[in-house]
PDB file of all heavy atoms in Angstrom:
ATOM      1  N   ALA A   1       5.237  -1.007 -17.577  1.00  0.00           N
ATOM      2  CA  ALA A   1       6.553  -1.625 -17.397  1.00  0.00           C
ATOM      3  C   ALA A   1       7.592  -0.785 -18.120  1.00  0.00           C
ATOM      4  O   ALA A   1       7.283  -0.112 -19.115  1.00  0.00           O
ATOM      5  CB  ALA A   1       6.554  -3.059 -17.927  1.00  0.00           C
ATOM      6  N   GLN A   2       8.792  -0.830 -17.623  1.00  0.00           N
ATOM      7  CA  GLN A   2       9.893  -0.146 -18.294  1.00  0.00           C
ATOM      8  C   GLN A   2      10.454  -1.027 -19.415  1.00  0.00           C
ATOM      9  O   GLN A   2      10.331  -2.252 -19.350  1.00  0.00           O
ATOM     10  CB  GLN A   2      10.997   0.173 -17.300  1.00  0.00           C
ATOM     11  CG  GLN A   2      10.606   1.217 -16.269  1.00  0.00           C
ATOM     12  CD  GLN A   2      11.792   1.658 -15.434  1.00  0.00           C
ATOM     13  OE1 GLN A   2      12.797   0.973 -15.331  1.00  0.00           O
ATOM     14  NE2 GLN A   2      11.670   2.843 -14.828  1.00  0.00           N
ATOM     15  N   PRO A   3      11.055  -0.431 -20.417  1.00  0.00           N
ATOM     16  CA  PRO A   3      11.722  -1.251 -21.438  1.00  0.00           C
ATOM     17  C   PRO A   3      12.717  -2.201 -20.792  1.00  0.00           C
ATOM     18  O   PRO A   3      13.474  -1.809 -19.895  1.00  0.00           O
ATOM     19  CB  PRO A   3      12.421  -0.200 -22.310  1.00  0.00           C
ATOM     20  CG  PRO A   3      11.586   1.026 -22.147  1.00  0.00           C
ATOM     21  CD  PRO A   3      11.112   0.999 -20.724  1.00  0.00           C
ATOM     22  N   GLY A   4      12.679  -3.447 -21.235  1.00  0.00           N
ATOM     23  CA  GLY A   4      13.510  -4.479 -20.636  1.00  0.00           C
ATOM     24  C   GLY A   4      12.878  -5.185 -19.467  1.00  0.00           C
ATOM     25  O   GLY A   4      13.417  -6.184 -18.976  1.00  0.00           O
ATOM     26  N   GLY A   5      11.761  -4.685 -19.015  1.00  0.00           N
ATOM     27  CA  GLY A   5      11.075  -5.268 -17.872  1.00  0.00           C
ATOM     28  C   GLY A   5      10.180  -6.432 -18.258  1.00  0.00           C
ATOM     29  O   GLY A   5      10.156  -6.867 -19.408  1.00  0.00           O
ATOM     30  N   SER A   6       9.445  -6.916 -17.269  1.00  0.00           N
ATOM     31  CA  SER A   6       8.587  -8.091 -17.456  1.00  0.00           C
ATOM     32  C   SER A   6       7.207  -7.843 -16.866  1.00  0.00           C
ATOM     33  O   SER A   6       7.051  -7.077 -15.911  1.00  0.00           O
ATOM     34  CB  SER A   6       9.199  -9.310 -16.764  1.00  0.00           C
ATOM     35  OG  SER A   6      10.452  -9.653 -17.332  1.00  0.00           O
ATOM     36  N   LEU A   7       6.239  -8.517 -17.433  1.00  0.00           N
ATOM     37  CA  LEU A   7       4.886  -8.576 -16.898  1.00  0.00           C
ATOM     38  C   LEU A   7       4.353  -9.977 -17.148  1.00  0.00           C
ATOM     39  O   LEU A   7       4.745 -10.638 -18.117  1.00  0.00           O
ATOM     40  CB  LEU A   7       3.954  -7.564 -17.581  1.00  0.00           C
ATOM     41  CG  LEU A   7       4.092  -6.084 -17.220  1.00  0.00           C
ATOM     42  CD1 LEU A   7       3.193  -5.253 -18.134  1.00  0.00           C
ATOM     43  CD2 LEU A   7       3.726  -5.843 -15.765  1.00  0.00           C
ATOM     44  N   ARG A   8       3.419 -10.405 -16.299  1.00  0.00           N
ATOM     45  CA  ARG A   8       2.740 -11.672 -16.531  1.00  0.00           C
ATOM     46  C   ARG A   8       1.242 -11.428 -16.572  1.00  0.00           C
ATOM     47  O   ARG A   8       0.670 -10.915 -15.609  1.00  0.00           O
ATOM     48  CB  ARG A   8       3.065 -12.703 -15.455  1.00  0.00           C
ATOM     49  CG  ARG A   8       2.519 -14.089 -15.793  1.00  0.00           C
ATOM     50  CD  ARG A   8       2.888 -15.136 -14.770  1.00  0.00           C
ATOM     51  NE  ARG A   8       2.104 -15.028 -13.548  1.00  0.00           N
ATOM     52  CZ  ARG A   8       1.998 -15.994 -12.640  1.00  0.00           C
ATOM     53  NH1 ARG A   8       2.641 -17.144 -12.826  1.00  0.00           N
ATOM     54  NH2 ARG A   8       1.283 -15.813 -11.547  1.00  0.00           N
ATOM     55  N   LEU A   9       0.649 -11.795 -17.675  1.00  0.00           N
ATOM     56  CA  LEU A   9      -0.799 -11.694 -17.822  1.00  0.00           C
ATOM     57  C   LEU A   9      -1.448 -13.031 -17.480  1.00  0.00           C
ATOM     58  O   LEU A   9      -0.874 -14.089 -17.706  1.00  0.00           O
ATOM     59  CB  LEU A   9      -1.169 -11.310 -19.258  1.00  0.00           C
ATOM     60  CG  LEU A   9      -0.530 -10.041 -19.811  1.00  0.00           C
ATOM     61  CD1 LEU A   9      -1.079  -9.751 -21.205  1.00  0.00           C
ATOM     62  CD2 LEU A   9      -0.737  -8.857 -18.889  1.00  0.00           C
ATOM     63  N   THR A  10      -2.655 -12.946 -16.950  1.00  0.00           N
ATOM     64  CA  THR A  10      -3.410 -14.131 -16.550  1.00  0.00           C
ATOM     65  C   THR A  10      -4.761 -14.128 -17.235  1.00  0.00           C
ATOM     66  O   THR A  10      -5.416 -13.087 -17.329  1.00  0.00           O
ATOM     67  CB  THR A  10      -3.605 -14.143 -15.027  1.00  0.00           C
ATOM     68  OG1 THR A  10      -2.328 -14.199 -14.387  1.00  0.00           O
ATOM     69  CG2 THR A  10      -4.428 -15.335 -14.594  1.00  0.00           C
ATOM     70  N   CYS A  11      -5.169 -15.298 -17.701  1.00  0.00           N
ATOM     71  CA  CYS A  11      -6.496 -15.491 -18.294  1.00  0.00           C
ATOM     72  C   CYS A  11      -7.219 -16.570 -17.504  1.00  0.00           C
ATOM     73  O   CYS A  11      -6.695 -17.674 -17.340  1.00  0.00           O
ATOM     74  CB  CYS A  11      -6.372 -15.893 -19.753  1.00  0.00           C
ATOM     75  SG  CYS A  11      -7.951 -16.226 -20.563  1.00  0.00           S
ATOM     76  N   SER A  12      -8.399 -16.246 -17.029  1.00  0.00           N
ATOM     77  CA  SER A  12      -9.199 -17.213 -16.289  1.00  0.00           C
ATOM     78  C   SER A  12     -10.647 -17.098 -16.726  1.00  0.00           C
ATOM     79  O   SER A  12     -11.024 -16.162 -17.436  1.00  0.00           O
ATOM     80  CB  SER A  12      -9.076 -16.972 -14.787  1.00  0.00           C
ATOM     81  OG  SER A  12      -9.515 -15.667 -14.465  1.00  0.00           O
ATOM     82  N   ALA A  13     -11.475 -18.059 -16.300  1.00  0.00           N
ATOM     83  CA  ALA A  13     -12.888 -18.052 -16.660  1.00  0.00           C
ATOM     84  C   ALA A  13     -13.668 -18.782 -15.581  1.00  0.00           C
ATOM     85  O   ALA A  13     -13.484 -19.987 -15.399  1.00  0.00           O
ATOM     86  CB  ALA A  13     -13.118 -18.706 -18.013  1.00  0.00           C
ATOM     87  N   SER A  14     -14.536 -18.092 -14.898  1.00  0.00           N
ATOM     88  CA  SER A  14     -15.333 -18.699 -13.840  1.00  0.00           C
ATOM     89  C   SER A  14     -16.403 -19.607 -14.423  1.00  0.00           C
ATOM     90  O   SER A  14     -17.089 -19.243 -15.370  1.00  0.00           O
ATOM     91  CB  SER A  14     -15.996 -17.609 -12.988  1.00  0.00           C
ATOM     92  OG  SER A  14     -15.028 -16.819 -12.353  1.00  0.00           O
ATOM     93  N   GLY A  15     -16.535 -20.800 -13.831  1.00  0.00           N
ATOM     94  CA  GLY A  15     -17.611 -21.691 -14.227  1.00  0.00           C
ATOM     95  C   GLY A  15     -17.347 -22.521 -15.467  1.00  0.00           C
ATOM     96  O   GLY A  15     -18.195 -23.326 -15.857  1.00  0.00           O
ATOM     97  N   PHE A  16     -16.178 -22.329 -16.104  1.00  0.00           N
ATOM     98  CA  PHE A  16     -15.828 -23.081 -17.302  1.00  0.00           C
ATOM     99  C   PHE A  16     -14.381 -23.528 -17.192  1.00  0.00           C
ATOM    100  O   PHE A  16     -13.535 -22.785 -16.691  1.00  0.00           O
ATOM    101  CB  PHE A  16     -15.975 -22.230 -18.563  1.00  0.00           C
ATOM    102  CG  PHE A  16     -17.383 -21.838 -18.891  1.00  0.00           C
ATOM    103  CD1 PHE A  16     -17.925 -20.682 -18.357  1.00  0.00           C
ATOM    104  CD2 PHE A  16     -18.158 -22.617 -19.724  1.00  0.00           C
ATOM    105  CE1 PHE A  16     -19.226 -20.311 -18.646  1.00  0.00           C
ATOM    106  CE2 PHE A  16     -19.457 -22.260 -20.030  1.00  0.00           C
ATOM    107  CZ  PHE A  16     -19.998 -21.101 -19.482  1.00  0.00           C
ATOM    108  N   THR A  17     -14.117 -24.718 -17.663  1.00  0.00           N
ATOM    109  CA  THR A  17     -12.732 -25.152 -17.684  1.00  0.00           C
ATOM    110  C   THR A  17     -12.086 -24.726 -18.995  1.00  0.00           C
ATOM    111  O   THR A  17     -12.638 -24.925 -20.074  1.00  0.00           O
ATOM    112  CB  THR A  17     -12.611 -26.670 -17.500  1.00  0.00           C
ATOM    113  OG1 THR A  17     -11.228 -27.034 -17.563  1.00  0.00           O
ATOM    114  CG2 THR A  17     -13.371 -27.439 -18.568  1.00  0.00           C
ATOM    115  N   LEU A  18     -10.918 -24.122 -18.872  1.00  0.00           N
ATOM    116  CA  LEU A  18     -10.156 -23.716 -20.060  1.00  0.00           C
ATOM    117  C   LEU A  18      -9.215 -24.809 -20.523  1.00  0.00           C
ATOM    118  O   LEU A  18      -8.585 -24.677 -21.571  1.00  0.00           O
ATOM    119  CB  LEU A  18      -9.341 -22.460 -19.724  1.00  0.00           C
ATOM    120  CG  LEU A  18     -10.111 -21.216 -19.314  1.00  0.00           C
ATOM    121  CD1 LEU A  18      -9.141 -20.089 -18.972  1.00  0.00           C
ATOM    122  CD2 LEU A  18     -11.075 -20.781 -20.397  1.00  0.00           C
ATOM    123  N   ASN A  19      -9.120 -25.882 -19.747  1.00  0.00           N
ATOM    124  CA  ASN A  19      -8.017 -26.826 -19.901  1.00  0.00           C
ATOM    125  C   ASN A  19      -7.940 -27.518 -21.254  1.00  0.00           C
ATOM    126  O   ASN A  19      -6.879 -27.966 -21.650  1.00  0.00           O
ATOM    127  CB  ASN A  19      -8.076 -27.874 -18.793  1.00  0.00           C
ATOM    128  CG  ASN A  19      -7.797 -27.270 -17.438  1.00  0.00           C
ATOM    129  OD1 ASN A  19      -7.282 -26.164 -17.331  1.00  0.00           O
ATOM    130  ND2 ASN A  19      -8.153 -27.988 -16.387  1.00  0.00           N
ATOM    131  N   TYR A  20      -9.049 -27.635 -21.962  1.00  0.00           N
ATOM    132  CA  TYR A  20      -9.037 -28.400 -23.213  1.00  0.00           C
ATOM    133  C   TYR A  20      -9.333 -27.535 -24.427  1.00  0.00           C
ATOM    134  O   TYR A  20      -9.577 -28.036 -25.510  1.00  0.00           O
ATOM    135  CB  TYR A  20     -10.024 -29.568 -23.095  1.00  0.00           C
ATOM    136  CG  TYR A  20      -9.737 -30.408 -21.882  1.00  0.00           C
ATOM    137  CD1 TYR A  20     -10.566 -30.373 -20.775  1.00  0.00           C
ATOM    138  CD2 TYR A  20      -8.586 -31.200 -21.820  1.00  0.00           C
ATOM    139  CE1 TYR A  20     -10.276 -31.116 -19.646  1.00  0.00           C
ATOM    140  CE2 TYR A  20      -8.292 -31.949 -20.698  1.00  0.00           C
ATOM    141  CZ  TYR A  20      -9.147 -31.904 -19.611  1.00  0.00           C
ATOM    142  OH  TYR A  20      -8.860 -32.633 -18.498  1.00  0.00           O
ATOM    143  N   TYR A  21      -9.303 -26.211 -24.214  1.00  0.00           N
ATOM    144  CA  TYR A  21      -9.519 -25.293 -25.315  1.00  0.00           C
ATOM    145  C   TYR A  21      -8.198 -24.780 -25.861  1.00  0.00           C
ATOM    146  O   TYR A  21      -7.228 -24.598 -25.117  1.00  0.00           O
ATOM    147  CB  TYR A  21     -10.307 -24.068 -24.844  1.00  0.00           C
ATOM    148  CG  TYR A  21     -11.776 -24.293 -24.596  1.00  0.00           C
ATOM    149  CD1 TYR A  21     -12.270 -24.359 -23.295  1.00  0.00           C
ATOM    150  CD2 TYR A  21     -12.669 -24.402 -25.645  1.00  0.00           C
ATOM    151  CE1 TYR A  21     -13.622 -24.535 -23.055  1.00  0.00           C
ATOM    152  CE2 TYR A  21     -14.024 -24.576 -25.417  1.00  0.00           C
ATOM    153  CZ  TYR A  21     -14.499 -24.632 -24.123  1.00  0.00           C
ATOM    154  OH  TYR A  21     -15.835 -24.803 -23.894  1.00  0.00           O
ATOM    155  N   GLY A  22      -8.157 -24.510 -27.179  1.00  0.00           N
ATOM    156  CA  GLY A  22      -7.068 -23.727 -27.722  1.00  0.00           C
ATOM    157  C   GLY A  22      -7.206 -22.291 -27.227  1.00  0.00           C
ATOM    158  O   GLY A  22      -8.296 -21.715 -27.285  1.00  0.00           O
ATOM    159  N   ILE A  23      -6.127 -21.741 -26.729  1.00  0.00           N
ATOM    160  CA  ILE A  23      -6.137 -20.401 -26.142  1.00  0.00           C
ATOM    161  C   ILE A  23      -5.138 -19.529 -26.895  1.00  0.00           C
ATOM    162  O   ILE A  23      -4.032 -19.979 -27.235  1.00  0.00           O
ATOM    163  CB  ILE A  23      -5.721 -20.437 -24.662  1.00  0.00           C
ATOM    164  CG1 ILE A  23      -6.586 -21.408 -23.864  1.00  0.00           C
ATOM    165  CG2 ILE A  23      -5.757 -19.028 -24.056  1.00  0.00           C
ATOM    166  CD1 ILE A  23      -8.006 -20.960 -23.663  1.00  0.00           C
ATOM    167  N   GLY A  24      -5.514 -18.303 -27.123  1.00  0.00           N
ATOM    168  CA  GLY A  24      -4.603 -17.364 -27.746  1.00  0.00           C
ATOM    169  C   GLY A  24      -4.535 -16.058 -26.990  1.00  0.00           C
ATOM    170  O   GLY A  24      -5.511 -15.631 -26.374  1.00  0.00           O
ATOM    171  N   TRP A  25      -3.374 -15.454 -27.028  1.00  0.00           N
ATOM    172  CA  TRP A  25      -3.215 -14.074 -26.575  1.00  0.00           C
ATOM    173  C   TRP A  25      -3.015 -13.205 -27.804  1.00  0.00           C
ATOM    174  O   TRP A  25      -2.140 -13.472 -28.626  1.00  0.00           O
ATOM    175  CB  TRP A  25      -2.020 -13.931 -25.637  1.00  0.00           C
ATOM    176  CG  TRP A  25      -2.245 -14.446 -24.260  1.00  0.00           C
ATOM    177  CD1 TRP A  25      -1.883 -15.657 -23.751  1.00  0.00           C
ATOM    178  CD2 TRP A  25      -2.896 -13.755 -23.181  1.00  0.00           C
ATOM    179  NE1 TRP A  25      -2.261 -15.769 -22.434  1.00  0.00           N
ATOM    180  CE2 TRP A  25      -2.884 -14.603 -22.063  1.00  0.00           C
ATOM    181  CE3 TRP A  25      -3.485 -12.498 -23.056  1.00  0.00           C
ATOM    182  CZ2 TRP A  25      -3.434 -14.238 -20.832  1.00  0.00           C
ATOM    183  CZ3 TRP A  25      -4.026 -12.132 -21.838  1.00  0.00           C
ATOM    184  CH2 TRP A  25      -4.005 -12.998 -20.744  1.00  0.00           C
ATOM    185  N   PHE A  26      -3.839 -12.191 -27.911  1.00  0.00           N
ATOM    186  CA  PHE A  26      -3.769 -11.237 -29.006  1.00  0.00           C
ATOM    187  C   PHE A  26      -3.528  -9.855 -28.428  1.00  0.00           C
ATOM    188  O   PHE A  26      -3.820  -9.595 -27.263  1.00  0.00           O
ATOM    189  CB  PHE A  26      -5.071 -11.249 -29.810  1.00  0.00           C
ATOM    190  CG  PHE A  26      -5.255 -12.471 -30.662  1.00  0.00           C
ATOM    191  CD1 PHE A  26      -5.626 -13.678 -30.089  1.00  0.00           C
ATOM    192  CD2 PHE A  26      -5.048 -12.418 -32.030  1.00  0.00           C
ATOM    193  CE1 PHE A  26      -5.777 -14.818 -30.871  1.00  0.00           C
ATOM    194  CE2 PHE A  26      -5.208 -13.552 -32.825  1.00  0.00           C
ATOM    195  CZ  PHE A  26      -5.577 -14.750 -32.242  1.00  0.00           C
ATOM    196  N   ARG A  27      -3.028  -8.967 -29.255  1.00  0.00           N
ATOM    197  CA  ARG A  27      -2.878  -7.584 -28.828  1.00  0.00           C
ATOM    198  C   ARG A  27      -3.313  -6.656 -29.950  1.00  0.00           C
ATOM    199  O   ARG A  27      -3.289  -7.013 -31.125  1.00  0.00           O
ATOM    200  CB  ARG A  27      -1.434  -7.291 -28.416  1.00  0.00           C
ATOM    201  CG  ARG A  27      -0.431  -7.306 -29.565  1.00  0.00           C
ATOM    202  CD  ARG A  27       0.980  -7.126 -29.019  1.00  0.00           C
ATOM    203  NE  ARG A  27       1.987  -7.137 -30.079  1.00  0.00           N
ATOM    204  CZ  ARG A  27       3.295  -7.162 -29.862  1.00  0.00           C
ATOM    205  NH1 ARG A  27       3.769  -7.184 -28.616  1.00  0.00           N
ATOM    206  NH2 ARG A  27       4.137  -7.156 -30.887  1.00  0.00           N
ATOM    207  N   GLN A  28      -3.713  -5.466 -29.533  1.00  0.00           N
ATOM    208  CA  GLN A  28      -4.149  -4.469 -30.505  1.00  0.00           C
ATOM    209  C   GLN A  28      -3.715  -3.098 -30.042  1.00  0.00           C
ATOM    210  O   GLN A  28      -4.119  -2.643 -28.966  1.00  0.00           O
ATOM    211  CB  GLN A  28      -5.665  -4.520 -30.722  1.00  0.00           C
ATOM    212  CG  GLN A  28      -6.134  -3.670 -31.879  1.00  0.00           C
ATOM    213  CD  GLN A  28      -7.562  -4.005 -32.287  1.00  0.00           C
ATOM    214  OE1 GLN A  28      -8.332  -4.569 -31.521  1.00  0.00           O
ATOM    215  NE2 GLN A  28      -7.903  -3.671 -33.520  1.00  0.00           N
ATOM    216  N   ALA A  29      -2.891  -2.462 -30.844  1.00  0.00           N
ATOM    217  CA  ALA A  29      -2.473  -1.091 -30.579  1.00  0.00           C
ATOM    218  C   ALA A  29      -3.386  -0.151 -31.350  1.00  0.00           C
ATOM    219  O   ALA A  29      -4.015  -0.553 -32.342  1.00  0.00           O
ATOM    220  CB  ALA A  29      -1.022  -0.904 -30.999  1.00  0.00           C
ATOM    221  N   PRO A  30      -3.486   1.110 -30.929  1.00  0.00           N
ATOM    222  CA  PRO A  30      -4.357   2.068 -31.636  1.00  0.00           C
ATOM    223  C   PRO A  30      -4.012   2.143 -33.118  1.00  0.00           C
ATOM    224  O   PRO A  30      -2.841   2.272 -33.490  1.00  0.00           O
ATOM    225  CB  PRO A  30      -4.055   3.386 -30.927  1.00  0.00           C
ATOM    226  CG  PRO A  30      -3.629   2.985 -29.565  1.00  0.00           C
ATOM    227  CD  PRO A  30      -2.869   1.710 -29.740  1.00  0.00           C
ATOM    228  N   GLY A  31      -5.029   2.022 -33.951  1.00  0.00           N
ATOM    229  CA  GLY A  31      -4.842   2.113 -35.388  1.00  0.00           C
ATOM    230  C   GLY A  31      -4.270   0.874 -36.040  1.00  0.00           C
ATOM    231  O   GLY A  31      -4.021   0.871 -37.252  1.00  0.00           O
ATOM    232  N   GLU A  32      -4.068  -0.172 -35.248  1.00  0.00           N
ATOM    233  CA  GLU A  32      -3.477  -1.402 -35.774  1.00  0.00           C
ATOM    234  C   GLU A  32      -4.492  -2.543 -35.743  1.00  0.00           C
ATOM    235  O   GLU A  32      -5.487  -2.495 -35.010  1.00  0.00           O
ATOM    236  CB  GLU A  32      -2.254  -1.806 -34.950  1.00  0.00           C
ATOM    237  CG  GLU A  32      -1.150  -0.759 -34.895  1.00  0.00           C
ATOM    238  CD  GLU A  32      -0.423  -0.603 -36.218  1.00  0.00           C
ATOM    239  OE1 GLU A  32      -0.358  -1.603 -36.977  1.00  0.00           O
ATOM    240  OE2 GLU A  32       0.064   0.506 -36.502  1.00  0.00           O
ATOM    241  N   GLU A  33      -4.223  -3.565 -36.531  1.00  0.00           N
ATOM    242  CA  GLU A  33      -5.055  -4.762 -36.491  1.00  0.00           C
ATOM    243  C   GLU A  33      -4.693  -5.607 -35.272  1.00  0.00           C
ATOM    244  O   GLU A  33      -3.599  -5.503 -34.729  1.00  0.00           O
ATOM    245  CB  GLU A  33      -4.850  -5.584 -37.767  1.00  0.00           C
ATOM    246  CG  GLU A  33      -5.381  -4.921 -39.015  1.00  0.00           C
ATOM    247  CD  GLU A  33      -5.314  -5.832 -40.231  1.00  0.00           C
ATOM    248  OE1 GLU A  33      -4.754  -6.938 -40.127  1.00  0.00           O
ATOM    249  OE2 GLU A  33      -5.832  -5.431 -41.283  1.00  0.00           O
ATOM    250  N   ARG A  34      -5.643  -6.440 -34.868  1.00  0.00           N
ATOM    251  CA  ARG A  34      -5.398  -7.340 -33.748  1.00  0.00           C
ATOM    252  C   ARG A  34      -4.399  -8.417 -34.193  1.00  0.00           C
ATOM    253  O   ARG A  34      -4.558  -9.026 -35.245  1.00  0.00           O
ATOM    254  CB  ARG A  34      -6.715  -7.966 -33.296  1.00  0.00           C
ATOM    255  CG  ARG A  34      -6.655  -8.611 -31.937  1.00  0.00           C
ATOM    256  CD  ARG A  34      -8.039  -8.865 -31.383  1.00  0.00           C
ATOM    257  NE  ARG A  34      -8.729  -7.619 -31.048  1.00  0.00           N
ATOM    258  CZ  ARG A  34      -9.840  -7.558 -30.321  1.00  0.00           C
ATOM    259  NH1 ARG A  34     -10.389  -8.669 -29.866  1.00  0.00           N
ATOM    260  NH2 ARG A  34     -10.408  -6.407 -30.070  1.00  0.00           N
TER     261      ARG A  34
END
């Protein structure tokens, strides 16, 4: 994406319902902590 742009990430799981779990999005850059 360009600076100022947008993206949408999706998280899914086959065979399991995510609906009642706490969910987090994490990121990790090279040399950095998650």
